[in-house]
């Protein structure tokens, strides 16, 4: 298993930038993210607030299957 946050960089404004194409396994299903995508807190992508989801995993040091 890999850390879900590995393909992302957390920005100073709380957003997350994807630095490598990745597929995340979220409870709502697979989410494919392309390099260069930026996710801001409070916005949704495929029905998920990815910024909040990534921040929660980052703070807990959780790993999830990719």
PDB file of N, CA and C in Angstrom:
ATOM      1  N   UNK A   1       0.828  -1.187   0.000  1.00  0.00           N
ATOM      2  CA  UNK A   1       0.000   0.000   0.000  1.00  0.00           C
ATOM      3  C   UNK A   1       0.870   1.247   0.000  1.00  0.00           C
ATOM      4  N   UNK A   2       0.372   2.278  -0.642  1.00  0.00           N
ATOM      5  CA  UNK A   2       1.072   3.548  -0.698  1.00  0.00           C
ATOM      6  C   UNK A   2       0.268   4.592   0.055  1.00  0.00           C
ATOM      7  N   UNK A   3       0.937   5.659   0.409  1.00  0.00           N
ATOM      8  CA  UNK A   3       0.252   6.766   1.043  1.00  0.00           C
ATOM      9  C   UNK A   3      -0.512   7.523  -0.028  1.00  0.00           C
ATOM     10  N   UNK A   4      -1.791   7.803   0.215  1.00  0.00           N
ATOM     11  CA  UNK A   4      -2.632   8.511  -0.755  1.00  0.00           C
ATOM     12  C   UNK A   4      -2.093   9.897  -1.056  1.00  0.00           C
ATOM     13  N   UNK A   5      -1.341  10.468  -0.142  1.00  0.00           N
ATOM     14  CA  UNK A   5      -0.844  11.836  -0.306  1.00  0.00           C
ATOM     15  C   UNK A   5       0.434  11.912  -1.131  1.00  0.00           C
ATOM     16  N   UNK A   6       1.086  10.788  -1.389  1.00  0.00           N
ATOM     17  CA  UNK A   6       2.368  10.806  -2.107  1.00  0.00           C
ATOM     18  C   UNK A   6       2.325  11.545  -3.447  1.00  0.00           C
ATOM     19  N   UNK A   7       1.269  11.365  -4.272  1.00  0.00           N
ATOM     20  CA  UNK A   7       1.266  12.063  -5.561  1.00  0.00           C
ATOM     21  C   UNK A   7       0.786  13.523  -5.472  1.00  0.00           C
ATOM     22  N   UNK A   8       0.669  14.044  -4.251  1.00  0.00           N
ATOM     23  CA  UNK A   8       0.155  15.399  -4.046  1.00  0.00           C
ATOM     24  C   UNK A   8       1.117  16.240  -3.212  1.00  0.00           C
ATOM     25  N   UNK A   9       1.048  17.545  -3.435  1.00  0.00           N
ATOM     26  CA  UNK A   9       1.792  18.510  -2.633  1.00  0.00           C
ATOM     27  C   UNK A   9       0.768  19.426  -1.984  1.00  0.00           C
ATOM     28  N   UNK A  10       0.907  19.614  -0.680  1.00  0.00           N
ATOM     29  CA  UNK A  10       0.000  20.513   0.029  1.00  0.00           C
ATOM     30  C   UNK A  10       0.523  21.943  -0.124  1.00  0.00           C
ATOM     31  N   UNK A  11      -0.336  22.826  -0.596  1.00  0.00           N
ATOM     32  CA  UNK A  11       0.027  24.222  -0.831  1.00  0.00           C
ATOM     33  C   UNK A  11      -0.265  25.076   0.402  1.00  0.00           C
ATOM     34  N   UNK A  12       0.370  26.234   0.480  1.00  0.00           N
ATOM     35  CA  UNK A  12       0.237  27.127   1.635  1.00  0.00           C
ATOM     36  C   UNK A  12      -1.207  27.561   1.877  1.00  0.00           C
ATOM     37  N   UNK A  13      -2.016  27.631   0.820  1.00  0.00           N
ATOM     38  CA  UNK A  13      -3.403  28.070   0.982  1.00  0.00           C
ATOM     39  C   UNK A  13      -4.353  26.936   1.364  1.00  0.00           C
ATOM     40  N   UNK A  14      -3.817  25.737   1.618  1.00  0.00           N
ATOM     41  CA  UNK A  14      -4.634  24.590   2.010  1.00  0.00           C
ATOM     42  C   UNK A  14      -5.075  23.734   0.844  1.00  0.00           C
ATOM     43  N   UNK A  15      -4.777  24.167  -0.363  1.00  0.00           N
ATOM     44  CA  UNK A  15      -5.110  23.357  -1.533  1.00  0.00           C
ATOM     45  C   UNK A  15      -4.060  22.260  -1.715  1.00  0.00           C
ATOM     46  N   UNK A  16      -4.375  21.319  -2.587  1.00  0.00           N
ATOM     47  CA  UNK A  16      -3.468  20.210  -2.893  1.00  0.00           C
ATOM     48  C   UNK A  16      -3.248  20.150  -4.394  1.00  0.00           C
ATOM     49  N   UNK A  17      -1.996  20.061  -4.824  1.00  0.00           N
ATOM     50  CA  UNK A  17      -1.648  19.940  -6.237  1.00  0.00           C
ATOM     51  C   UNK A  17      -1.181  18.518  -6.520  1.00  0.00           C
ATOM     52  N   UNK A  18      -1.703  17.949  -7.588  1.00  0.00           N
ATOM     53  CA  UNK A  18      -1.301  16.609  -8.007  1.00  0.00           C
ATOM     54  C   UNK A  18      -0.018  16.722  -8.829  1.00  0.00           C
ATOM     55  N   UNK A  19       1.018  15.978  -8.439  1.00  0.00           N
ATOM     56  CA  UNK A  19       2.308  16.046  -9.127  1.00  0.00           C
ATOM     57  C   UNK A  19       2.594  14.796  -9.971  1.00  0.00           C
ATOM     58  N   UNK A  20       1.673  13.833  -9.953  1.00  0.00           N
ATOM     59  CA  UNK A  20       1.809  12.623 -10.768  1.00  0.00           C
ATOM     60  C   UNK A  20       0.428  12.010 -10.959  1.00  0.00           C
ATOM     61  N   UNK A  21       0.136  11.555 -12.161  1.00  0.00           N
ATOM     62  CA  UNK A  21      -1.144  10.892 -12.408  1.00  0.00           C
ATOM     63  C   UNK A  21      -1.343   9.782 -11.382  1.00  0.00           C
ATOM     64  N   UNK A  22      -2.569   9.665 -10.870  1.00  0.00           N
ATOM     65  CA  UNK A  22      -2.834   8.650  -9.857  1.00  0.00           C
ATOM     66  C   UNK A  22      -4.294   8.243  -9.878  1.00  0.00           C
ATOM     67  N   UNK A  23      -4.580   7.091  -9.316  1.00  0.00           N
ATOM     68  CA  UNK A  23      -5.938   6.630  -9.095  1.00  0.00           C
ATOM     69  C   UNK A  23      -6.093   6.372  -7.605  1.00  0.00           C
ATOM     70  N   UNK A  24      -7.084   7.023  -7.000  1.00  0.00           N
ATOM     71  CA  UNK A  24      -7.349   6.849  -5.574  1.00  0.00           C
ATOM     72  C   UNK A  24      -8.546   5.939  -5.391  1.00  0.00           C
ATOM     73  N   UNK A  25      -8.489   5.081  -4.387  1.00  0.00           N
ATOM     74  CA  UNK A  25      -9.631   4.245  -4.041  1.00  0.00           C
ATOM     75  C   UNK A  25     -10.329   4.903  -2.861  1.00  0.00           C
ATOM     76  N   UNK A  26     -11.438   5.532  -3.139  1.00  0.00           N
ATOM     77  CA  UNK A  26     -12.227   6.259  -2.144  1.00  0.00           C
ATOM     78  C   UNK A  26     -13.464   5.420  -1.842  1.00  0.00           C
ATOM     79  N   UNK A  27     -14.058   5.574  -0.661  1.00  0.00           N
ATOM     80  CA  UNK A  27     -15.275   4.809  -0.366  1.00  0.00           C
ATOM     81  C   UNK A  27     -16.391   4.988  -1.410  1.00  0.00           C
ATOM     82  N   UNK A  28     -16.405   6.109  -2.131  1.00  0.00           N
ATOM     83  CA  UNK A  28     -17.418   6.330  -3.168  1.00  0.00           C
ATOM     84  C   UNK A  28     -17.007   5.759  -4.518  1.00  0.00           C
ATOM     85  N   UNK A  29     -15.792   5.229  -4.611  1.00  0.00           N
ATOM     86  CA  UNK A  29     -15.317   4.631  -5.855  1.00  0.00           C
ATOM     87  C   UNK A  29     -13.931   5.123  -6.238  1.00  0.00           C
ATOM     88  N   UNK A  30     -13.477   4.681  -7.396  1.00  0.00           N
ATOM     89  CA  UNK A  30     -12.159   5.079  -7.904  1.00  0.00           C
ATOM     90  C   UNK A  30     -12.205   6.503  -8.409  1.00  0.00           C
ATOM     91  N   UNK A  31     -11.143   7.233  -8.089  1.00  0.00           N
ATOM     92  CA  UNK A  31     -11.023   8.610  -8.552  1.00  0.00           C
ATOM     93  C   UNK A  31      -9.693   8.742  -9.272  1.00  0.00           C
ATOM     94  N   UNK A  32      -9.752   9.051 -10.558  1.00  0.00           N
ATOM     95  CA  UNK A  32      -8.535   9.249 -11.339  1.00  0.00           C
ATOM     96  C   UNK A  32      -8.209  10.741 -11.349  1.00  0.00           C
ATOM     97  N   UNK A  33      -6.959  11.043 -11.031  1.00  0.00           N
ATOM     98  CA  UNK A  33      -6.506  12.429 -10.949  1.00  0.00           C
ATOM     99  C   UNK A  33      -5.288  12.586 -11.847  1.00  0.00           C
ATOM    100  N   UNK A  34      -5.279  13.644 -12.629  1.00  0.00           N
ATOM    101  CA  UNK A  34      -4.160  13.888 -13.530  1.00  0.00           C
ATOM    102  C   UNK A  34      -3.197  14.915 -12.950  1.00  0.00           C
ATOM    103  N   UNK A  35      -1.950  14.743 -13.303  1.00  0.00           N
ATOM    104  CA  UNK A  35      -0.902  15.678 -12.889  1.00  0.00           C
ATOM    105  C   UNK A  35      -1.306  17.100 -13.274  1.00  0.00           C
ATOM    106  N   UNK A  36      -1.092  18.031 -12.358  1.00  0.00           N
ATOM    107  CA  UNK A  36      -1.421  19.428 -12.601  1.00  0.00           C
ATOM    108  C   UNK A  36      -2.761  19.852 -12.029  1.00  0.00           C
ATOM    109  N   UNK A  37      -3.590  18.879 -11.619  1.00  0.00           N
ATOM    110  CA  UNK A  37      -4.875  19.219 -11.006  1.00  0.00           C
ATOM    111  C   UNK A  37      -4.647  19.829  -9.629  1.00  0.00           C
ATOM    112  N   UNK A  38      -5.479  20.810  -9.276  1.00  0.00           N
ATOM    113  CA  UNK A  38      -5.395  21.455  -7.969  1.00  0.00           C
ATOM    114  C   UNK A  38      -6.759  21.363  -7.311  1.00  0.00           C
ATOM    115  N   UNK A  39      -6.770  20.991  -6.039  1.00  0.00           N
ATOM    116  CA  UNK A  39      -8.008  20.805  -5.293  1.00  0.00           C
ATOM    117  C   UNK A  39      -8.036  21.740  -4.092  1.00  0.00           C
ATOM    118  N   UNK A  40      -9.107  22.531  -4.006  1.00  0.00           N
ATOM    119  CA  UNK A  40      -9.262  23.519  -2.944  1.00  0.00           C
ATOM    120  C   UNK A  40     -10.275  23.025  -1.916  1.00  0.00           C
ATOM    121  N   UNK A  41     -10.046  23.317  -0.627  1.00  0.00           N
ATOM    122  CA  UNK A  41     -11.002  22.923   0.410  1.00  0.00           C
ATOM    123  C   UNK A  41     -12.391  23.496   0.102  1.00  0.00           C
ATOM    124  N   UNK A  42     -13.389  22.667   0.321  1.00  0.00           N
ATOM    125  CA  UNK A  42     -14.760  23.100   0.125  1.00  0.00           C
ATOM    126  C   UNK A  42     -15.294  22.903  -1.282  1.00  0.00           C
ATOM    127  N   UNK A  43     -14.437  22.471  -2.210  1.00  0.00           N
ATOM    128  CA  UNK A  43     -14.894  22.178  -3.568  1.00  0.00           C
ATOM    129  C   UNK A  43     -14.879  20.667  -3.769  1.00  0.00           C
ATOM    130  N   UNK A  44     -15.727  20.202  -4.656  1.00  0.00           N
ATOM    131  CA  UNK A  44     -15.808  18.763  -4.868  1.00  0.00           C
ATOM    132  C   UNK A  44     -15.321  18.386  -6.260  1.00  0.00           C
ATOM    133  N   UNK A  45     -14.782  17.196  -6.344  1.00  0.00           N
ATOM    134  CA  UNK A  45     -14.348  16.577  -7.586  1.00  0.00           C
ATOM    135  C   UNK A  45     -14.908  15.175  -7.577  1.00  0.00           C
ATOM    136  N   UNK A  46     -15.746  14.858  -8.555  1.00  0.00           N
ATOM    137  CA  UNK A  46     -16.421  13.557  -8.603  1.00  0.00           C
ATOM    138  C   UNK A  46     -17.178  13.288  -7.297  1.00  0.00           C
ATOM    139  N   UNK A  47     -17.758  14.335  -6.724  1.00  0.00           N
ATOM    140  CA  UNK A  47     -18.568  14.201  -5.521  1.00  0.00           C
ATOM    141  C   UNK A  47     -17.792  14.149  -4.221  1.00  0.00           C
ATOM    142  N   UNK A  48     -16.490  14.398  -4.265  1.00  0.00           N
ATOM    143  CA  UNK A  48     -15.641  14.275  -3.075  1.00  0.00           C
ATOM    144  C   UNK A  48     -14.854  15.566  -2.870  1.00  0.00           C
ATOM    145  N   UNK A  49     -14.800  16.042  -1.626  1.00  0.00           N
ATOM    146  CA  UNK A  49     -13.917  17.154  -1.282  1.00  0.00           C
ATOM    147  C   UNK A  49     -12.530  16.546  -1.089  1.00  0.00           C
ATOM    148  N   UNK A  50     -11.772  16.458  -2.187  1.00  0.00           N
ATOM    149  CA  UNK A  50     -10.467  15.791  -2.135  1.00  0.00           C
ATOM    150  C   UNK A  50      -9.481  16.509  -1.225  1.00  0.00           C
ATOM    151  N   UNK A  51      -9.550  17.829  -1.143  1.00  0.00           N
ATOM    152  CA  UNK A  51      -8.636  18.560  -0.260  1.00  0.00           C
ATOM    153  C   UNK A  51      -8.853  18.126   1.187  1.00  0.00           C
ATOM    154  N   UNK A  52     -10.095  18.036   1.607  1.00  0.00           N
ATOM    155  CA  UNK A  52     -10.393  17.609   2.981  1.00  0.00           C
ATOM    156  C   UNK A  52     -10.021  16.144   3.192  1.00  0.00           C
ATOM    157  N   UNK A  53     -10.315  15.310   2.206  1.00  0.00           N
ATOM    158  CA  UNK A  53     -10.011  13.881   2.319  1.00  0.00           C
ATOM    159  C   UNK A  53      -8.505  13.655   2.428  1.00  0.00           C
ATOM    160  N   UNK A  54      -7.725  14.336   1.582  1.00  0.00           N
ATOM    161  CA  UNK A  54      -6.274  14.209   1.642  1.00  0.00           C
ATOM    162  C   UNK A  54      -5.712  14.768   2.946  1.00  0.00           C
ATOM    163  N   UNK A  55      -6.225  15.917   3.396  1.00  0.00           N
ATOM    164  CA  UNK A  55      -5.750  16.524   4.641  1.00  0.00           C
ATOM    165  C   UNK A  55      -5.982  15.601   5.825  1.00  0.00           C
ATOM    166  N   UNK A  56      -7.129  14.938   5.864  1.00  0.00           N
ATOM    167  CA  UNK A  56      -7.430  14.012   6.963  1.00  0.00           C
ATOM    168  C   UNK A  56      -6.445  12.840   6.969  1.00  0.00           C
ATOM    169  N   UNK A  57      -6.147  12.295   5.805  1.00  0.00           N
ATOM    170  CA  UNK A  57      -5.208  11.180   5.734  1.00  0.00           C
ATOM    171  C   UNK A  57      -3.788  11.620   6.025  1.00  0.00           C
ATOM    172  N   UNK A  58      -3.428  12.799   5.552  1.00  0.00           N
ATOM    173  CA  UNK A  58      -2.088  13.335   5.787  1.00  0.00           C
ATOM    174  C   UNK A  58      -1.841  13.532   7.278  1.00  0.00           C
ATOM    175  N   UNK A  59      -2.813  14.115   7.964  1.00  0.00           N
ATOM    176  CA  UNK A  59      -2.635  14.406   9.389  1.00  0.00           C
ATOM    177  C   UNK A  59      -2.570  13.129  10.224  1.00  0.00           C
ATOM    178  N   UNK A  60      -3.209  12.057   9.750  1.00  0.00           N
ATOM    179  CA  UNK A  60      -3.204  10.783  10.481  1.00  0.00           C
ATOM    180  C   UNK A  60      -2.073   9.869  10.035  1.00  0.00           C
ATOM    181  N   UNK A  61      -1.397  10.233   8.931  1.00  0.00           N
ATOM    182  CA  UNK A  61      -0.352   9.379   8.394  1.00  0.00           C
ATOM    183  C   UNK A  61      -0.881   8.080   7.838  1.00  0.00           C
ATOM    184  N   UNK A  62      -2.168   8.074   7.446  1.00  0.00           N
ATOM    185  CA  UNK A  62      -2.799   6.861   6.938  1.00  0.00           C
ATOM    186  C   UNK A  62      -2.274   6.498   5.560  1.00  0.00           C
ATOM    187  N   UNK A  63      -2.300   5.238   5.272  1.00  0.00           N
ATOM    188  CA  UNK A  63      -2.008   4.772   3.924  1.00  0.00           C
ATOM    189  C   UNK A  63      -3.276   4.143   3.381  1.00  0.00           C
ATOM    190  N   UNK A  64      -3.490   4.305   2.097  1.00  0.00           N
ATOM    191  CA  UNK A  64      -4.621   3.672   1.446  1.00  0.00           C
ATOM    192  C   UNK A  64      -4.131   3.090   0.126  1.00  0.00           C
ATOM    193  N   UNK A  65      -4.816   2.070  -0.345  1.00  0.00           N
ATOM    194  CA  UNK A  65      -4.417   1.444  -1.601  1.00  0.00           C
ATOM    195  C   UNK A  65      -4.641   2.422  -2.739  1.00  0.00           C
ATOM    196  N   UNK A  66      -3.708   2.448  -3.656  1.00  0.00           N
ATOM    197  CA  UNK A  66      -3.844   3.270  -4.860  1.00  0.00           C
ATOM    198  C   UNK A  66      -3.924   2.384  -6.058  1.00  0.00           C
TER     199      UNK A  66
END
